[in-house]
Amino acid sequence: MTELKLVGEELKREGQERVAAKNEAWLKNIREFARVVCNIEGSVTTDALRQYASLYHREPTHHNAWSAVFSQKGWKRIGYVQSKRPEAHARPIGVWQWIGDNHE
C-alpha cells in the first residue's frame, strides 16, 4: 500500500509541475495575492483565491492549476475548513499560511 501511495504522490507532483509550467504568469499573480491575504488575514484558502480570480477574470488555463498554488516552498498548511463553494460539496480544503521563502 505504501508503494502505491508513493507512486500516486509522484504522479500528483508531476501533474502539478506540468500545469504550473502552462500557468506561470497566473501562478505568480495568484501567489502574490495569496501572500497579501495572509499578511492581512493571517491565512488563506483556495475559496478566497477563487473568489478573487472570478471577480477579476484571472482564471487559470485549466482547473488543475489550483493544486499548484501552495506547492512551492514557503507555504504551510495550518488546518482545514469546509469549502463554501457549492460545487465543492463542503469538502475539506486547506488553510494556508505564508511562512517565507527560507522554510522548507
PDB file of N, CA and C in Angstrom:
ATOM      1  N   MET A   1       0.825  -1.201   0.000  1.00  0.00           N
ATOM      2  CA  MET A   1       0.000   0.000   0.000  1.00  0.00           C
ATOM      3  C   MET A   1       0.867   1.263   0.000  1.00  0.00           C
ATOM      4  N   THR A   2       1.950   1.266   0.789  1.00  0.00           N
ATOM      5  CA  THR A   2       2.828   2.424   0.856  1.00  0.00           C
ATOM      6  C   THR A   2       3.444   2.714  -0.506  1.00  0.00           C
ATOM      7  N   GLU A   3       3.797   1.647  -1.234  1.00  0.00           N
ATOM      8  CA  GLU A   3       4.385   1.814  -2.552  1.00  0.00           C
ATOM      9  C   GLU A   3       3.410   2.504  -3.506  1.00  0.00           C
ATOM     10  N   LEU A   4       2.136   2.140  -3.450  1.00  0.00           N
ATOM     11  CA  LEU A   4       1.125   2.786  -4.287  1.00  0.00           C
ATOM     12  C   LEU A   4       0.970   4.257  -3.920  1.00  0.00           C
ATOM     13  N   LYS A   5       1.023   4.563  -2.628  1.00  0.00           N
ATOM     14  CA  LYS A   5       0.903   5.953  -2.186  1.00  0.00           C
ATOM     15  C   LYS A   5       2.055   6.778  -2.736  1.00  0.00           C
ATOM     16  N   LEU A   6       3.264   6.240  -2.708  1.00  0.00           N
ATOM     17  CA  LEU A   6       4.421   6.962  -3.224  1.00  0.00           C
ATOM     18  C   LEU A   6       4.300   7.203  -4.723  1.00  0.00           C
ATOM     19  N   VAL A   7       3.819   6.222  -5.455  1.00  0.00           N
ATOM     20  CA  VAL A   7       3.604   6.379  -6.894  1.00  0.00           C
ATOM     21  C   VAL A   7       2.552   7.463  -7.134  1.00  0.00           C
ATOM     22  N   GLY A   8       1.481   7.438  -6.379  1.00  0.00           N
ATOM     23  CA  GLY A   8       0.432   8.443  -6.517  1.00  0.00           C
ATOM     24  C   GLY A   8       0.930   9.845  -6.220  1.00  0.00           C
ATOM     25  N   GLU A   9       1.749   9.976  -5.182  1.00  0.00           N
ATOM     26  CA  GLU A   9       2.302  11.293  -4.835  1.00  0.00           C
ATOM     27  C   GLU A   9       3.233  11.799  -5.929  1.00  0.00           C
ATOM     28  N   GLU A  10       4.014  10.894  -6.522  1.00  0.00           N
ATOM     29  CA  GLU A  10       4.907  11.283  -7.604  1.00  0.00           C
ATOM     30  C   GLU A  10       4.107  11.724  -8.832  1.00  0.00           C
ATOM     31  N   LEU A  11       3.061  10.985  -9.171  1.00  0.00           N
ATOM     32  CA  LEU A  11       2.216  11.375 -10.299  1.00  0.00           C
ATOM     33  C   LEU A  11       1.544  12.723 -10.053  1.00  0.00           C
ATOM     34  N   LYS A  12       1.109  12.950  -8.821  1.00  0.00           N
ATOM     35  CA  LYS A  12       0.493  14.233  -8.475  1.00  0.00           C
ATOM     36  C   LYS A  12       1.506  15.366  -8.668  1.00  0.00           C
ATOM     37  N   ARG A  13       2.719  15.170  -8.161  1.00  0.00           N
ATOM     38  CA  ARG A  13       3.762  16.190  -8.271  1.00  0.00           C
ATOM     39  C   ARG A  13       4.084  16.478  -9.743  1.00  0.00           C
ATOM     40  N   GLU A  14       4.180  15.429 -10.543  1.00  0.00           N
ATOM     41  CA  GLU A  14       4.457  15.617 -11.969  1.00  0.00           C
ATOM     42  C   GLU A  14       3.329  16.379 -12.660  1.00  0.00           C
ATOM     43  N   GLY A  15       2.091  16.068 -12.299  1.00  0.00           N
ATOM     44  CA  GLY A  15       0.950  16.783 -12.867  1.00  0.00           C
ATOM     45  C   GLY A  15       0.947  18.249 -12.471  1.00  0.00           C
ATOM     46  N   GLN A  16       1.266  18.523 -11.208  1.00  0.00           N
ATOM     47  CA  GLN A  16       1.336  19.905 -10.744  1.00  0.00           C
ATOM     48  C   GLN A  16       2.420  20.667 -11.505  1.00  0.00           C
ATOM     49  N   GLU A  17       3.547  20.028 -11.738  1.00  0.00           N
ATOM     50  CA  GLU A  17       4.633  20.686 -12.465  1.00  0.00           C
ATOM     51  C   GLU A  17       4.233  20.999 -13.904  1.00  0.00           C
ATOM     52  N   ARG A  18       3.531  20.062 -14.552  1.00  0.00           N
ATOM     53  CA  ARG A  18       3.081  20.296 -15.939  1.00  0.00           C
ATOM     54  C   ARG A  18       2.091  21.456 -16.015  1.00  0.00           C
ATOM     55  N   VAL A  19       1.106  21.449 -15.126  1.00  0.00           N
ATOM     56  CA  VAL A  19       0.093  22.500 -15.168  1.00  0.00           C
ATOM     57  C   VAL A  19       0.699  23.839 -14.733  1.00  0.00           C
ATOM     58  N   ALA A  20       1.660  23.813 -13.820  1.00  0.00           N
ATOM     59  CA  ALA A  20       2.331  25.049 -13.387  1.00  0.00           C
ATOM     60  C   ALA A  20       3.111  25.663 -14.546  1.00  0.00           C
ATOM     61  N   ALA A  21       3.765  24.820 -15.330  1.00  0.00           N
ATOM     62  CA  ALA A  21       4.539  25.318 -16.463  1.00  0.00           C
ATOM     63  C   ALA A  21       3.658  26.042 -17.479  1.00  0.00           C
ATOM     64  N   LYS A  22       2.410  25.616 -17.608  1.00  0.00           N
ATOM     65  CA  LYS A  22       1.489  26.239 -18.566  1.00  0.00           C
ATOM     66  C   LYS A  22       0.745  27.437 -17.975  1.00  0.00           C
ATOM     67  N   ASN A  23       0.950  27.693 -16.677  1.00  0.00           N
ATOM     68  CA  ASN A  23       0.233  28.775 -15.994  1.00  0.00           C
ATOM     69  C   ASN A  23       1.180  29.628 -15.146  1.00  0.00           C
ATOM     70  N   GLU A  24       2.411  29.811 -15.611  1.00  0.00           N
ATOM     71  CA  GLU A  24       3.417  30.525 -14.810  1.00  0.00           C
ATOM     72  C   GLU A  24       2.973  31.927 -14.400  1.00  0.00           C
ATOM     73  N   ALA A  25       2.506  32.716 -15.345  1.00  0.00           N
ATOM     74  CA  ALA A  25       2.096  34.090 -15.035  1.00  0.00           C
ATOM     75  C   ALA A  25       0.904  34.091 -14.083  1.00  0.00           C
ATOM     76  N   TRP A  26      -0.051  33.204 -14.326  1.00  0.00           N
ATOM     77  CA  TRP A  26      -1.223  33.117 -13.447  1.00  0.00           C
ATOM     78  C   TRP A  26      -0.806  32.724 -12.030  1.00  0.00           C
ATOM     79  N   LEU A  27       0.071  31.725 -11.914  1.00  0.00           N
ATOM     80  CA  LEU A  27       0.527  31.290 -10.587  1.00  0.00           C
ATOM     81  C   LEU A  27       1.255  32.407  -9.854  1.00  0.00           C
ATOM     82  N   LYS A  28       2.086  33.142 -10.565  1.00  0.00           N
ATOM     83  CA  LYS A  28       2.801  34.261  -9.935  1.00  0.00           C
ATOM     84  C   LYS A  28       1.794  35.264  -9.369  1.00  0.00           C
ATOM     85  N   ASN A  29       0.798  35.613 -10.154  1.00  0.00           N
ATOM     86  CA  ASN A  29      -0.212  36.582  -9.732  1.00  0.00           C
ATOM     87  C   ASN A  29      -1.028  36.073  -8.547  1.00  0.00           C
ATOM     88  N   ILE A  30      -1.503  34.837  -8.621  1.00  0.00           N
ATOM     89  CA  ILE A  30      -2.384  34.325  -7.569  1.00  0.00           C
ATOM     90  C   ILE A  30      -1.602  34.103  -6.276  1.00  0.00           C
ATOM     91  N   ARG A  31      -0.331  33.714  -6.386  1.00  0.00           N
ATOM     92  CA  ARG A  31       0.506  33.547  -5.188  1.00  0.00           C
ATOM     93  C   ARG A  31       0.787  34.894  -4.520  1.00  0.00           C
ATOM     94  N   GLU A  32       1.015  35.925  -5.332  1.00  0.00           N
ATOM     95  CA  GLU A  32       1.209  37.262  -4.767  1.00  0.00           C
ATOM     96  C   GLU A  32      -0.043  37.694  -4.013  1.00  0.00           C
ATOM     97  N   PHE A  33      -1.196  37.464  -4.622  1.00  0.00           N
ATOM     98  CA  PHE A  33      -2.447  37.818  -3.949  1.00  0.00           C
ATOM     99  C   PHE A  33      -2.613  37.005  -2.667  1.00  0.00           C
ATOM    100  N   ALA A  34      -2.280  35.722  -2.708  1.00  0.00           N
ATOM    101  CA  ALA A  34      -2.391  34.862  -1.522  1.00  0.00           C
ATOM    102  C   ALA A  34      -1.507  35.390  -0.389  1.00  0.00           C
ATOM    103  N   ARG A  35      -0.308  35.850  -0.721  1.00  0.00           N
ATOM    104  CA  ARG A  35       0.577  36.412   0.321  1.00  0.00           C
ATOM    105  C   ARG A  35      -0.010  37.697   0.900  1.00  0.00           C
ATOM    106  N   VAL A  36      -0.624  38.520   0.060  1.00  0.00           N
ATOM    107  CA  VAL A  36      -1.280  39.742   0.545  1.00  0.00           C
ATOM    108  C   VAL A  36      -2.399  39.377   1.515  1.00  0.00           C
ATOM    109  N   VAL A  37      -3.233  38.409   1.144  1.00  0.00           N
ATOM    110  CA  VAL A  37      -4.319  37.976   2.027  1.00  0.00           C
ATOM    111  C   VAL A  37      -3.752  37.476   3.349  1.00  0.00           C
ATOM    112  N   CYS A  38      -2.677  36.692   3.293  1.00  0.00           N
ATOM    113  CA  CYS A  38      -2.054  36.184   4.530  1.00  0.00           C
ATOM    114  C   CYS A  38      -1.546  37.321   5.405  1.00  0.00           C
ATOM    115  N   ASN A  39      -0.959  38.337   4.796  1.00  0.00           N
ATOM    116  CA  ASN A  39      -0.471  39.476   5.580  1.00  0.00           C
ATOM    117  C   ASN A  39      -1.606  40.197   6.290  1.00  0.00           C
ATOM    118  N   ILE A  40      -2.771  40.220   5.676  1.00  0.00           N
ATOM    119  CA  ILE A  40      -3.925  40.909   6.251  1.00  0.00           C
ATOM    120  C   ILE A  40      -4.708  40.006   7.198  1.00  0.00           C
ATOM    121  N   GLU A  41      -5.010  38.791   6.743  1.00  0.00           N
ATOM    122  CA  GLU A  41      -5.902  37.887   7.477  1.00  0.00           C
ATOM    123  C   GLU A  41      -5.168  36.863   8.345  1.00  0.00           C
ATOM    124  N   GLY A  42      -3.905  36.613   8.047  1.00  0.00           N
ATOM    125  CA  GLY A  42      -3.143  35.607   8.780  1.00  0.00           C
ATOM    126  C   GLY A  42      -3.132  34.248   8.112  1.00  0.00           C
ATOM    127  N   SER A  43      -4.069  33.999   7.185  1.00  0.00           N
ATOM    128  CA  SER A  43      -4.132  32.736   6.451  1.00  0.00           C
ATOM    129  C   SER A  43      -4.983  32.940   5.202  1.00  0.00           C
ATOM    130  N   VAL A  44      -4.998  31.910   4.348  1.00  0.00           N
ATOM    131  CA  VAL A  44      -5.754  31.999   3.101  1.00  0.00           C
ATOM    132  C   VAL A  44      -6.203  30.598   2.683  1.00  0.00           C
ATOM    133  N   THR A  45      -7.302  30.536   1.953  1.00  0.00           N
ATOM    134  CA  THR A  45      -7.800  29.279   1.384  1.00  0.00           C
ATOM    135  C   THR A  45      -7.986  29.466  -0.119  1.00  0.00           C
ATOM    136  N   THR A  46      -8.133  28.355  -0.816  1.00  0.00           N
ATOM    137  CA  THR A  46      -8.412  28.467  -2.250  1.00  0.00           C
ATOM    138  C   THR A  46      -9.780  29.079  -2.504  1.00  0.00           C
ATOM    139  N   ASP A  47     -10.708  28.956  -1.560  1.00  0.00           N
ATOM    140  CA  ASP A  47     -12.007  29.617  -1.738  1.00  0.00           C
ATOM    141  C   ASP A  47     -11.822  31.120  -1.927  1.00  0.00           C
ATOM    142  N   ALA A  48     -10.992  31.735  -1.092  1.00  0.00           N
ATOM    143  CA  ALA A  48     -10.742  33.175  -1.198  1.00  0.00           C
ATOM    144  C   ALA A  48     -10.053  33.505  -2.517  1.00  0.00           C
ATOM    145  N   LEU A  49      -9.106  32.665  -2.909  1.00  0.00           N
ATOM    146  CA  LEU A  49      -8.385  32.909  -4.156  1.00  0.00           C
ATOM    147  C   LEU A  49      -9.289  32.734  -5.372  1.00  0.00           C
ATOM    148  N   ARG A  50     -10.158  31.741  -5.312  1.00  0.00           N
ATOM    149  CA  ARG A  50     -11.095  31.522  -6.423  1.00  0.00           C
ATOM    150  C   ARG A  50     -12.074  32.690  -6.552  1.00  0.00           C
ATOM    151  N   GLN A  51     -12.473  33.266  -5.423  1.00  0.00           N
ATOM    152  CA  GLN A  51     -13.368  34.419  -5.452  1.00  0.00           C
ATOM    153  C   GLN A  51     -12.668  35.593  -6.137  1.00  0.00           C
ATOM    154  N   TYR A  52     -11.427  35.828  -5.765  1.00  0.00           N
ATOM    155  CA  TYR A  52     -10.624  36.882  -6.390  1.00  0.00           C
ATOM    156  C   TYR A  52     -10.473  36.631  -7.892  1.00  0.00           C
ATOM    157  N   ALA A  53     -10.109  35.392  -8.257  1.00  0.00           N
ATOM    158  CA  ALA A  53      -9.889  35.056  -9.664  1.00  0.00           C
ATOM    159  C   ALA A  53     -11.153  35.256 -10.487  1.00  0.00           C
ATOM    160  N   SER A  54     -12.282  34.863  -9.934  1.00  0.00           N
ATOM    161  CA  SER A  54     -13.548  35.013 -10.638  1.00  0.00           C
ATOM    162  C   SER A  54     -13.917  36.488 -10.797  1.00  0.00           C
ATOM    163  N   LEU A  55     -13.764  37.236  -9.729  1.00  0.00           N
ATOM    164  CA  LEU A  55     -14.116  38.654  -9.737  1.00  0.00           C
ATOM    165  C   LEU A  55     -13.285  39.445 -10.744  1.00  0.00           C
ATOM    166  N   TYR A  56     -11.990  39.119 -10.833  1.00  0.00           N
ATOM    167  CA  TYR A  56     -11.089  39.868 -11.708  1.00  0.00           C
ATOM    168  C   TYR A  56     -10.746  39.114 -12.997  1.00  0.00           C
ATOM    169  N   HIS A  57     -11.515  38.079 -13.312  1.00  0.00           N
ATOM    170  CA  HIS A  57     -11.331  37.310 -14.548  1.00  0.00           C
ATOM    171  C   HIS A  57      -9.880  36.842 -14.693  1.00  0.00           C
ATOM    172  N   ARG A  58      -9.374  36.234 -13.640  1.00  0.00           N
ATOM    173  CA  ARG A  58      -8.000  35.737 -13.616  1.00  0.00           C
ATOM    174  C   ARG A  58      -7.977  34.223 -13.389  1.00  0.00           C
ATOM    175  N   GLU A  59      -8.722  33.524 -14.194  1.00  0.00           N
ATOM    176  CA  GLU A  59      -8.802  32.063 -14.075  1.00  0.00           C
ATOM    177  C   GLU A  59      -7.597  31.424 -14.756  1.00  0.00           C
ATOM    178  N   PRO A  60      -7.157  30.274 -14.262  1.00  0.00           N
ATOM    179  CA  PRO A  60      -6.064  29.560 -14.925  1.00  0.00           C
ATOM    180  C   PRO A  60      -6.553  28.922 -16.224  1.00  0.00           C
ATOM    181  N   THR A  61      -5.617  28.451 -17.029  1.00  0.00           N
ATOM    182  CA  THR A  61      -5.996  27.809 -18.283  1.00  0.00           C
ATOM    183  C   THR A  61      -6.656  26.456 -18.044  1.00  0.00           C
ATOM    184  N   HIS A  62      -6.401  25.844 -16.885  1.00  0.00           N
ATOM    185  CA  HIS A  62      -7.002  24.559 -16.544  1.00  0.00           C
ATOM    186  C   HIS A  62      -7.258  24.538 -15.038  1.00  0.00           C
ATOM    187  N   HIS A  63      -8.396  23.974 -14.632  1.00  0.00           N
ATOM    188  CA  HIS A  63      -8.767  23.980 -13.213  1.00  0.00           C
ATOM    189  C   HIS A  63      -7.767  23.246 -12.320  1.00  0.00           C
ATOM    190  N   ASN A  64      -6.983  22.323 -12.859  1.00  0.00           N
ATOM    191  CA  ASN A  64      -5.986  21.626 -12.043  1.00  0.00           C
ATOM    192  C   ASN A  64      -4.840  22.536 -11.600  1.00  0.00           C
ATOM    193  N   ALA A  65      -4.733  23.712 -12.193  1.00  0.00           N
ATOM    194  CA  ALA A  65      -3.676  24.647 -11.785  1.00  0.00           C
ATOM    195  C   ALA A  65      -3.839  25.063 -10.328  1.00  0.00           C
ATOM    196  N   TRP A  66      -5.055  25.009  -9.815  1.00  0.00           N
ATOM    197  CA  TRP A  66      -5.275  25.380  -8.416  1.00  0.00           C
ATOM    198  C   TRP A  66      -4.458  24.510  -7.465  1.00  0.00           C
ATOM    199  N   SER A  67      -4.214  23.268  -7.828  1.00  0.00           N
ATOM    200  CA  SER A  67      -3.470  22.380  -6.936  1.00  0.00           C
ATOM    201  C   SER A  67      -2.004  22.774  -6.816  1.00  0.00           C
ATOM    202  N   ALA A  68      -1.503  23.604  -7.712  1.00  0.00           N
ATOM    203  CA  ALA A  68      -0.100  24.017  -7.689  1.00  0.00           C
ATOM    204  C   ALA A  68       0.139  25.303  -6.895  1.00  0.00           C
ATOM    205  N   VAL A  69      -0.911  25.993  -6.503  1.00  0.00           N
ATOM    206  CA  VAL A  69      -0.755  27.299  -5.843  1.00  0.00           C
ATOM    207  C   VAL A  69       0.122  27.213  -4.604  1.00  0.00           C
ATOM    208  N   PHE A  70      -0.116  26.245  -3.755  1.00  0.00           N
ATOM    209  CA  PHE A  70       0.610  26.156  -2.489  1.00  0.00           C
ATOM    210  C   PHE A  70       1.706  25.094  -2.512  1.00  0.00           C
ATOM    211  N   SER A  71       2.138  24.684  -3.710  1.00  0.00           N
ATOM    212  CA  SER A  71       3.132  23.614  -3.808  1.00  0.00           C
ATOM    213  C   SER A  71       4.567  24.113  -3.681  1.00  0.00           C
ATOM    214  N   GLN A  72       4.782  25.412  -3.705  1.00  0.00           N
ATOM    215  CA  GLN A  72       6.141  25.928  -3.606  1.00  0.00           C
ATOM    216  C   GLN A  72       6.550  26.105  -2.139  1.00  0.00           C
ATOM    217  N   LYS A  73       7.853  26.238  -1.911  1.00  0.00           N
ATOM    218  CA  LYS A  73       8.361  26.477  -0.563  1.00  0.00           C
ATOM    219  C   LYS A  73       7.756  27.763  -0.009  1.00  0.00           C
ATOM    220  N   GLY A  74       7.615  27.788   1.299  1.00  0.00           N
ATOM    221  CA  GLY A  74       7.138  28.988   1.963  1.00  0.00           C
ATOM    222  C   GLY A  74       5.702  28.917   2.435  1.00  0.00           C
ATOM    223  N   TRP A  75       4.938  27.937   1.940  1.00  0.00           N
ATOM    224  CA  TRP A  75       3.549  27.772   2.361  1.00  0.00           C
ATOM    225  C   TRP A  75       3.441  26.634   3.361  1.00  0.00           C
ATOM    226  N   LYS A  76       2.669  26.851   4.401  1.00  0.00           N
ATOM    227  CA  LYS A  76       2.449  25.820   5.413  1.00  0.00           C
ATOM    228  C   LYS A  76       0.949  25.658   5.633  1.00  0.00           C
ATOM    229  N   ARG A  77       0.475  24.417   5.513  1.00  0.00           N
ATOM    230  CA  ARG A  77      -0.940  24.165   5.797  1.00  0.00           C
ATOM    231  C   ARG A  77      -1.104  24.136   7.314  1.00  0.00           C
ATOM    232  N   ILE A  78      -2.029  24.964   7.799  1.00  0.00           N
ATOM    233  CA  ILE A  78      -2.226  25.064   9.251  1.00  0.00           C
ATOM    234  C   ILE A  78      -3.558  24.491   9.703  1.00  0.00           C
ATOM    235  N   GLY A  79      -4.320  23.955   8.771  1.00  0.00           N
ATOM    236  CA  GLY A  79      -5.598  23.353   9.132  1.00  0.00           C
ATOM    237  C   GLY A  79      -6.458  23.125   7.916  1.00  0.00           C
ATOM    238  N   TYR A  80      -7.699  22.795   8.199  1.00  0.00           N
ATOM    239  CA  TYR A  80      -8.691  22.544   7.157  1.00  0.00           C
ATOM    240  C   TYR A  80      -9.997  23.230   7.523  1.00  0.00           C
ATOM    241  N   VAL A  81     -10.756  23.614   6.505  1.00  0.00           N
ATOM    242  CA  VAL A  81     -12.126  24.104   6.667  1.00  0.00           C
ATOM    243  C   VAL A  81     -12.958  23.484   5.556  1.00  0.00           C
ATOM    244  N   GLN A  82     -14.258  23.539   5.704  1.00  0.00           N
ATOM    245  CA  GLN A  82     -15.122  23.085   4.624  1.00  0.00           C
ATOM    246  C   GLN A  82     -15.235  24.186   3.585  1.00  0.00           C
ATOM    247  N   SER A  83     -15.124  23.790   2.339  1.00  0.00           N
ATOM    248  CA  SER A  83     -15.280  24.763   1.265  1.00  0.00           C
ATOM    249  C   SER A  83     -16.701  25.314   1.277  1.00  0.00           C
ATOM    250  N   LYS A  84     -16.806  26.593   0.983  1.00  0.00           N
ATOM    251  CA  LYS A  84     -18.108  27.250   0.915  1.00  0.00           C
ATOM    252  C   LYS A  84     -18.651  27.277  -0.517  1.00  0.00           C
ATOM    253  N   ARG A  85     -17.826  26.874  -1.476  1.00  0.00           N
ATOM    254  CA  ARG A  85     -18.264  26.857  -2.869  1.00  0.00           C
ATOM    255  C   ARG A  85     -19.224  25.698  -3.088  1.00  0.00           C
ATOM    256  N   PRO A  86     -20.414  25.964  -3.600  1.00  0.00           N
ATOM    257  CA  PRO A  86     -21.414  24.899  -3.776  1.00  0.00           C
ATOM    258  C   PRO A  86     -20.894  23.702  -4.569  1.00  0.00           C
ATOM    259  N   GLU A  87     -20.127  23.968  -5.617  1.00  0.00           N
ATOM    260  CA  GLU A  87     -19.628  22.873  -6.450  1.00  0.00           C
ATOM    261  C   GLU A  87     -18.583  22.007  -5.746  1.00  0.00           C
ATOM    262  N   ALA A  88     -18.069  22.465  -4.606  1.00  0.00           N
ATOM    263  CA  ALA A  88     -17.097  21.689  -3.837  1.00  0.00           C
ATOM    264  C   ALA A  88     -17.775  20.734  -2.852  1.00  0.00           C
ATOM    265  N   HIS A  89     -19.087  20.841  -2.713  1.00  0.00           N
ATOM    266  CA  HIS A  89     -19.864  19.931  -1.858  1.00  0.00           C
ATOM    267  C   HIS A  89     -19.328  19.855  -0.421  1.00  0.00           C
ATOM    268  N   ALA A  90     -18.912  20.999   0.116  1.00  0.00           N
ATOM    269  CA  ALA A  90     -18.450  21.123   1.508  1.00  0.00           C
ATOM    270  C   ALA A  90     -17.234  20.242   1.818  1.00  0.00           C
ATOM    271  N   ARG A  91     -16.451  19.897   0.815  1.00  0.00           N
ATOM    272  CA  ARG A  91     -15.272  19.074   1.077  1.00  0.00           C
ATOM    273  C   ARG A  91     -14.224  19.891   1.823  1.00  0.00           C
ATOM    274  N   PRO A  92     -13.355  19.238   2.583  1.00  0.00           N
ATOM    275  CA  PRO A  92     -12.308  19.955   3.308  1.00  0.00           C
ATOM    276  C   PRO A  92     -11.277  20.550   2.342  1.00  0.00           C
ATOM    277  N   ILE A  93     -10.886  21.779   2.616  1.00  0.00           N
ATOM    278  CA  ILE A  93      -9.808  22.428   1.869  1.00  0.00           C
ATOM    279  C   ILE A  93      -8.798  22.951   2.873  1.00  0.00           C
ATOM    280  N   GLY A  94      -7.567  23.100   2.425  1.00  0.00           N
ATOM    281  CA  GLY A  94      -6.503  23.560   3.307  1.00  0.00           C
ATOM    282  C   GLY A  94      -6.619  25.029   3.662  1.00  0.00           C
ATOM    283  N   VAL A  95      -6.178  25.325   4.867  1.00  0.00           N
ATOM    284  CA  VAL A  95      -5.981  26.702   5.311  1.00  0.00           C
ATOM    285  C   VAL A  95      -4.470  26.892   5.318  1.00  0.00           C
ATOM    286  N   TRP A  96      -3.986  27.885   4.595  1.00  0.00           N
ATOM    287  CA  TRP A  96      -2.558  28.041   4.366  1.00  0.00           C
ATOM    288  C   TRP A  96      -2.031  29.339   4.962  1.00  0.00           C
ATOM    289  N   GLN A  97      -0.771  29.278   5.345  1.00  0.00           N
ATOM    290  CA  GLN A  97      -0.083  30.438   5.901  1.00  0.00           C
ATOM    291  C   GLN A  97       1.254  30.590   5.185  1.00  0.00           C
ATOM    292  N   TRP A  98       1.600  31.829   4.877  1.00  0.00           N
ATOM    293  CA  TRP A  98       2.894  32.108   4.244  1.00  0.00           C
ATOM    294  C   TRP A  98       3.932  32.240   5.356  1.00  0.00           C
ATOM    295  N   ILE A  99       4.951  31.371   5.325  1.00  0.00           N
ATOM    296  CA  ILE A  99       5.989  31.411   6.353  1.00  0.00           C
ATOM    297  C   ILE A  99       7.316  31.911   5.778  1.00  0.00           C
ATOM    298  N   GLY A 100       7.358  32.125   4.488  1.00  0.00           N
ATOM    299  CA  GLY A 100       8.534  32.717   3.862  1.00  0.00           C
ATOM    300  C   GLY A 100       9.331  31.764   2.999  1.00  0.00           C
ATOM    301  N   ASP A 101      10.163  32.347   2.148  1.00  0.00           N
ATOM    302  CA  ASP A 101      10.964  31.583   1.190  1.00  0.00           C
ATOM    303  C   ASP A 101      12.058  30.748   1.836  1.00  0.00           C
ATOM    304  N   ASN A 102      12.475  31.064   3.050  1.00  0.00           N
ATOM    305  CA  ASN A 102      13.598  30.378   3.667  1.00  0.00           C
ATOM    306  C   ASN A 102      13.212  29.106   4.382  1.00  0.00           C
ATOM    307  N   HIS A 103      11.965  28.703   4.315  1.00  0.00           N
ATOM    308  CA  HIS A 103      11.494  27.499   5.001  1.00  0.00           C
ATOM    309  C   HIS A 103      11.196  26.405   3.986  1.00  0.00           C
ATOM    310  N   GLU A 104      11.323  25.187   4.412  1.00  0.00           N
ATOM    311  CA  GLU A 104      11.024  24.025   3.556  1.00  0.00           C
ATOM    312  C   GLU A 104       9.543  23.812   3.472  1.00  0.00           C
TER     313      GLU A 104
END
